[in-house]
Protein backbone atom coordinates (compact mmCIF):
# COMPACT_ATOMS: atom_id res chain seq x y z
CA MET A 1 62.44 20.90 75.31
CA ASN A 2 59.09 19.34 75.07
CA GLN A 3 57.83 18.58 71.69
CA VAL A 4 55.34 21.17 70.46
CA SER A 5 51.99 19.61 70.03
CA LYS A 6 50.01 20.25 66.86
CA PHE A 7 46.62 21.94 66.87
CA ASN A 8 43.49 20.01 66.10
CA LEU A 9 42.61 21.35 62.68
CA SER A 10 39.67 19.12 62.03
CA THR A 11 37.14 20.13 59.37
CA GLN A 12 34.03 21.97 60.76
CA THR A 13 30.61 22.18 59.07
CA GLU A 14 31.15 25.84 58.62
CA ARG A 15 33.76 27.23 56.22
CA HIS A 16 37.11 26.72 58.01
CA TRP A 17 40.42 28.00 56.65
CA PRO A 18 43.02 27.16 59.33
CA ALA A 19 46.54 28.34 59.65
CA PHE A 20 48.94 27.60 62.45
CA LEU A 21 52.45 28.58 63.64
CA SER A 22 54.44 26.84 66.19
CA LEU A 23 57.68 28.24 67.60
CA GLY A 24 60.17 26.76 70.10
CA PHE A 25 62.87 28.72 71.70
CA ASP A 26 65.74 27.37 73.90
CA GLU A 27 69.09 28.44 75.34
CA GLY A 28 72.06 28.44 72.89
CA MET A 29 75.66 28.98 73.63
CA GLU A 30 75.52 32.80 73.65
CA ARG A 31 71.98 33.67 72.95
CA THR A 32 68.43 32.26 72.74
CA CYS A 33 67.72 30.27 69.58
CA LEU A 34 64.60 29.64 67.62
CA ARG A 35 65.13 25.85 67.40
CA GLN A 36 61.65 24.72 66.20
CA MET A 37 59.35 26.15 63.64
CA ALA A 38 56.28 24.53 62.09
CA PHE A 39 53.52 26.25 60.02
CA GLN A 40 50.51 25.75 57.86
CA GLY A 41 48.88 28.33 55.87
CA PRO A 42 49.85 32.05 55.87
CA LEU A 43 51.75 32.38 59.09
CA ARG A 44 55.37 33.06 59.07
CA VAL A 45 58.12 34.72 61.01
CA GLN A 46 61.12 36.92 59.78
CA ARG A 47 64.56 35.81 60.82
CA PRO A 48 65.31 36.49 64.59
CA PHE A 49 67.03 39.79 65.48
CA TYR A 50 69.35 40.24 68.44
CA PRO A 51 69.43 43.94 69.17
CA GLU A 52 70.29 43.31 72.80
CA GLY A 53 72.53 40.36 72.61
CA GLU A 54 71.13 37.15 73.93
CA VAL A 55 67.37 38.03 73.81
CA CYS A 56 65.80 36.71 70.60
CA HIS A 57 63.36 39.25 68.86
CA VAL A 58 60.93 37.63 66.47
CA TYR A 59 58.34 39.46 64.23
CA LEU A 60 55.17 37.39 63.37
CA LEU A 61 53.82 37.92 59.92
CA HIS A 62 50.32 37.33 58.47
CA PRO A 63 50.70 38.25 54.78
CA PRO A 64 46.91 38.53 54.06
CA GLY A 65 46.82 41.46 56.53
CA GLY A 66 43.60 40.52 58.36
CA LEU A 67 41.05 37.81 59.12
CA VAL A 68 37.77 37.02 57.09
CA SER A 69 35.09 34.77 57.85
CA GLY A 70 36.30 31.09 58.30
CA ASP A 71 39.76 32.24 59.18
CA ASP A 72 41.21 30.29 62.17
CA LEU A 73 44.79 31.48 63.19
CA GLN A 74 46.54 29.43 65.92
CA VAL A 75 49.86 30.36 67.34
CA GLN A 76 51.85 28.34 69.80
CA VAL A 77 55.13 29.61 71.49
CA THR A 78 57.21 27.42 73.80
CA CYS A 79 60.13 29.03 75.75
CA ALA A 80 62.40 26.40 77.26
CA GLU A 81 64.53 26.75 80.37
CA ARG A 82 66.72 29.91 80.45
CA SER A 83 65.48 31.26 77.14
CA HIS A 84 64.30 34.69 76.54
CA ALA A 85 62.04 35.71 73.48
CA LEU A 86 60.33 38.96 72.67
CA LEU A 87 57.54 38.56 70.00
CA THR A 88 55.80 41.37 68.14
CA THR A 89 54.15 42.19 64.82
CA PRO A 90 55.08 44.57 62.17
CA SER A 91 51.56 46.12 61.75
CA ALA A 92 48.05 46.16 63.36
CA GLY A 93 46.00 43.06 63.02
CA LYS A 94 42.58 43.47 61.35
CA ILE A 95 39.46 41.65 61.66
CA TYR A 96 37.11 42.37 58.67
CA ARG A 97 33.38 42.31 58.19
CA ALA A 98 31.97 38.89 58.25
CA ASP A 99 30.27 37.30 55.35
CA SER A 100 26.56 37.24 54.85
CA GLN A 101 26.28 34.06 56.81
CA GLY A 102 27.88 35.79 59.86
CA GLY A 103 30.92 33.36 59.98
CA ALA A 104 33.28 34.12 62.99
CA GLN A 105 36.94 34.94 62.56
CA ARG A 106 39.12 32.98 65.23
CA GLN A 107 42.63 33.53 66.78
CA GLN A 108 44.03 31.41 69.45
CA VAL A 109 47.36 31.83 71.12
CA ARG A 110 48.89 29.43 73.31
CA ILE A 111 52.22 30.35 75.25
CA ARG A 112 54.23 27.91 77.40
CA VAL A 113 57.10 29.37 79.48
CA GLU A 114 59.38 26.93 81.45
CA ASP A 115 61.77 28.74 83.75
CA ALA A 116 62.27 31.31 80.98
CA CYS A 117 61.17 34.77 79.94
CA CYS A 118 58.60 35.57 77.24
CA GLU A 119 57.45 39.16 76.11
CA TRP A 120 54.46 38.95 73.78
CA MET A 121 53.76 42.46 72.53
CA PRO A 122 51.82 42.54 69.28
CA MET A 123 50.50 45.72 67.64
CA GLU A 124 46.96 46.58 68.14
CA THR A 125 43.85 44.72 66.63
CA ILE A 126 41.31 46.66 64.74
CA ILE A 127 37.79 45.11 64.87
CA PHE A 128 35.96 46.26 61.65
CA ASP A 129 32.19 46.99 61.66
CA GLY A 130 30.34 43.80 61.24
CA ALA A 131 33.04 41.39 62.32
CA HIS A 132 32.50 38.43 64.68
CA ALA A 133 35.88 37.97 66.33
CA ARG A 134 36.73 35.23 68.71
CA LEU A 135 40.02 35.82 70.40
CA SER A 136 41.68 33.67 72.94
CA THR A 137 45.15 33.67 74.78
CA ARG A 138 46.22 31.12 77.30
CA VAL A 139 49.60 31.42 78.99
CA ASP A 140 51.16 28.41 81.04
CA LEU A 141 53.97 29.48 83.33
CA TYR A 142 56.25 26.86 85.14
CA GLY A 143 59.03 27.47 87.72
CA ASP A 144 60.68 30.74 87.71
CA ALA A 145 58.84 31.90 84.43
CA ARG A 146 58.55 35.63 83.74
CA PHE A 147 55.94 36.99 81.28
CA VAL A 148 54.73 40.09 79.76
CA GLY A 149 51.71 40.31 77.63
CA LEU A 150 50.26 43.32 75.70
CA ASP A 151 46.91 43.51 74.03
CA VAL A 152 45.25 46.55 72.44
CA PHE A 153 42.08 46.45 70.28
CA CYS A 154 39.93 49.19 68.62
CA LEU A 155 36.28 48.77 67.80
CA GLY A 156 35.64 50.08 64.32
CA ARG A 157 37.46 52.99 62.48
CA PRO A 158 35.99 56.06 63.81
CA LYS A 159 38.63 58.40 62.33
CA SER A 160 37.58 57.05 58.80
CA GLY A 161 33.91 57.55 59.66
CA LEU A 162 33.42 53.77 60.05
CA PRO A 163 32.16 53.11 63.58
CA PHE A 164 31.40 49.67 65.04
CA LEU A 165 27.67 49.44 64.56
CA SER A 166 27.12 45.77 64.12
CA GLY A 167 28.99 42.53 64.90
CA SER A 168 30.67 41.21 68.10
CA VAL A 169 33.82 40.35 69.79
CA GLU A 170 34.70 37.85 72.42
CA GLN A 171 38.14 37.93 74.36
CA ARG A 172 39.39 35.34 76.58
CA LEU A 173 42.66 35.58 78.48
CA ALA A 174 43.97 32.71 80.94
CA ILE A 175 47.23 32.78 82.82
CA TYR A 176 48.36 29.85 84.84
CA HIS A 177 51.32 28.90 87.00
CA GLN A 178 52.03 25.32 87.73
CA ASP A 179 48.59 24.56 86.29
CA ARG A 180 47.03 26.90 88.86
CA PRO A 181 44.96 29.77 87.47
CA LEU A 182 46.19 33.20 88.27
CA LEU A 183 43.98 35.22 85.97
CA LEU A 184 40.91 34.27 83.98
CA GLU A 185 39.02 36.69 81.95
CA ARG A 186 36.26 36.61 79.41
CA GLN A 187 34.70 39.60 77.69
CA TYR A 188 31.83 39.43 75.22
CA LEU A 189 30.58 42.54 73.45
CA ALA A 190 27.88 42.96 70.74
CA ALA A 191 27.63 46.21 68.92
CA ASP A 192 24.31 46.96 70.56
CA ASP A 193 25.43 46.08 74.09
CA PRO A 194 24.40 48.75 76.67
CA LEU A 195 27.91 48.17 78.18
CA PHE A 196 29.34 50.43 75.40
CA ARG A 197 27.55 53.52 76.75
CA ALA A 198 27.35 52.60 80.51
CA MET A 199 29.73 54.45 82.77
CA SER A 200 30.49 51.29 84.35
CA GLY A 201 31.51 49.87 80.99
CA PHE A 202 33.19 51.49 78.06
CA HIS A 203 31.40 54.79 78.37
CA THR A 204 31.36 55.21 74.58
CA HIS A 205 35.24 54.68 74.21
CA LEU A 206 36.25 52.49 71.53
CA VAL A 207 39.89 51.53 72.41
CA SER A 208 40.80 49.15 75.24
CA GLY A 209 44.18 47.81 76.21
CA THR A 210 45.76 45.55 78.82
CA LEU A 211 49.26 44.87 80.03
CA VAL A 212 49.83 41.97 82.09
CA ILE A 213 53.13 41.18 83.98
CA ALA A 214 53.74 38.03 85.85
CA GLY A 215 56.85 36.71 87.69
CA LEU A 216 58.02 39.88 89.69
CA GLN A 217 59.33 38.72 93.08
CA ASP A 218 57.46 41.84 94.62
CA PRO A 219 54.50 42.70 92.54
CA GLN A 220 53.10 45.25 94.95
CA MET A 221 56.34 47.24 94.68
CA GLY A 222 55.86 47.20 90.91
CA VAL A 223 52.27 48.50 91.36
CA GLU A 224 53.46 51.35 93.69
CA GLN A 225 56.30 52.21 91.28
CA LEU A 226 53.87 52.57 88.34
CA ARG A 227 51.28 54.44 90.27
CA ALA A 228 53.76 56.90 91.52
CA HIS A 229 54.87 57.51 88.00
CA LEU A 230 51.42 57.65 86.65
CA GLY A 231 50.43 60.14 89.32
CA THR A 232 52.64 62.76 87.54
CA GLN A 233 51.31 61.97 84.02
CA GLN A 234 48.18 62.56 81.90
CA THR A 235 47.11 59.00 81.41
CA THR A 236 44.06 56.96 81.11
CA LEU A 237 45.39 53.83 82.91
CA SER A 238 44.53 51.96 85.97
CA VAL A 239 47.08 49.55 87.81
CA THR A 240 46.17 46.62 90.01
CA GLN A 241 47.63 43.35 91.00
CA ARG A 242 46.18 39.98 91.95
CA MET A 243 47.87 36.74 92.79
CA GLY A 244 51.19 38.09 91.63
CA VAL A 245 49.95 39.38 88.27
CA ILE A 246 50.12 43.12 87.56
CA VAL A 247 47.41 44.20 85.25
CA VAL A 248 47.50 47.74 83.64
CA ARG A 249 44.30 48.69 81.67
CA TYR A 250 43.74 51.43 79.30
CA LEU A 251 40.39 52.84 78.09
CA GLY A 252 40.13 55.70 75.58
CA ASP A 253 39.78 56.48 71.91
CA CYS A 254 43.38 56.24 70.43
CA SER A 255 45.18 53.09 69.84
CA GLU A 256 48.45 54.82 69.37
CA GLN A 257 48.01 56.58 72.80
CA ALA A 258 47.09 53.06 74.30
CA LEU A 259 50.30 51.44 72.83
CA GLN A 260 52.45 54.36 73.98
CA GLN A 261 51.17 54.44 77.63
CA LEU A 262 51.33 50.66 78.09
CA ARG A 263 54.73 50.34 76.47
CA ASP A 264 56.00 53.06 78.95
CA CYS A 265 54.70 50.91 81.85
CA TRP A 266 56.57 47.93 80.26
CA GLN A 267 59.70 50.02 79.94
CA ARG A 268 59.53 51.06 83.61
CA LEU A 269 59.05 47.50 84.96
CA ARG A 270 61.26 45.62 82.66
CA PRO A 271 64.55 46.17 84.65
CA LEU A 272 62.68 45.11 87.84
CA LEU A 273 61.31 42.02 86.09
CA LEU A 274 64.17 40.81 83.87
CA GLY A 275 67.18 42.85 85.13
CA LYS A 276 67.45 44.33 81.57
CA ALA A 277 66.97 47.90 80.20
CA PRO A 278 64.12 48.18 77.72
CA CYS A 279 64.93 47.59 74.17
CA LEU A 280 62.14 48.62 71.82
CA PRO A 281 61.83 46.59 68.49
CA ARG A 282 62.99 48.50 65.56
CA ILE A 283 59.76 47.73 63.78
CA TRP A 284 57.83 49.97 66.26
CA ASN A 285 59.60 53.02 64.81
CA THR A 286 58.37 52.45 61.21
């Protein structure tokens, strides 16, 4: 397995509180093993679970519970040949109001999958009013890599009477195969952006979710299977595919609904993608 490179944690002129976590998975005698772990700051993992035998389930922990101005979380995951890891979080991520200087909160995720399987399925992220979130995910796939990625975020806390009235959020997603880009997305939203109210944008909705699936031998068949199922359901989803990557999108007002609907799509395509029945992490039931 390639050595996991450390992140550049150089000091910046602004307040900079870095934390990083590097995880390396490879094939063991009977199951995938977490062979490498390095960390700095408040990022940890619980011991691996094996509810379905050889697949390694890992829960990522961030004890502070959320990001404040100056926080810079960096997570790196490497899945070596014939390994299979499923990663999730025990609770929603939170990005709190920025300080008086408007300092940003950053999270960077880098995932490398080498002829292996990786399912990246964290809980939702809540962007508090006044936050300045900068979120970036890059996935590098090699050989017969298969990948599932889930992302749900909620702007503000409308059920608590705390809407998203100020601040901004930037999201970047990049998926490559053999260093060739398959999906490149960037979304920047400020609280006063007309895109929030436009019918061609968020149309006043506050919860957005994305499920990406890469590595299916016949992605169009996966799209058709999902569309046939969704045609009989009350959902707020769209399903497309481009360059072999299936993209399922949610737009609505309930993060629980977004997670339920997107996970349902994952459950329906997992046997087709991985040859395995869906196995929900126990933490999702708590």
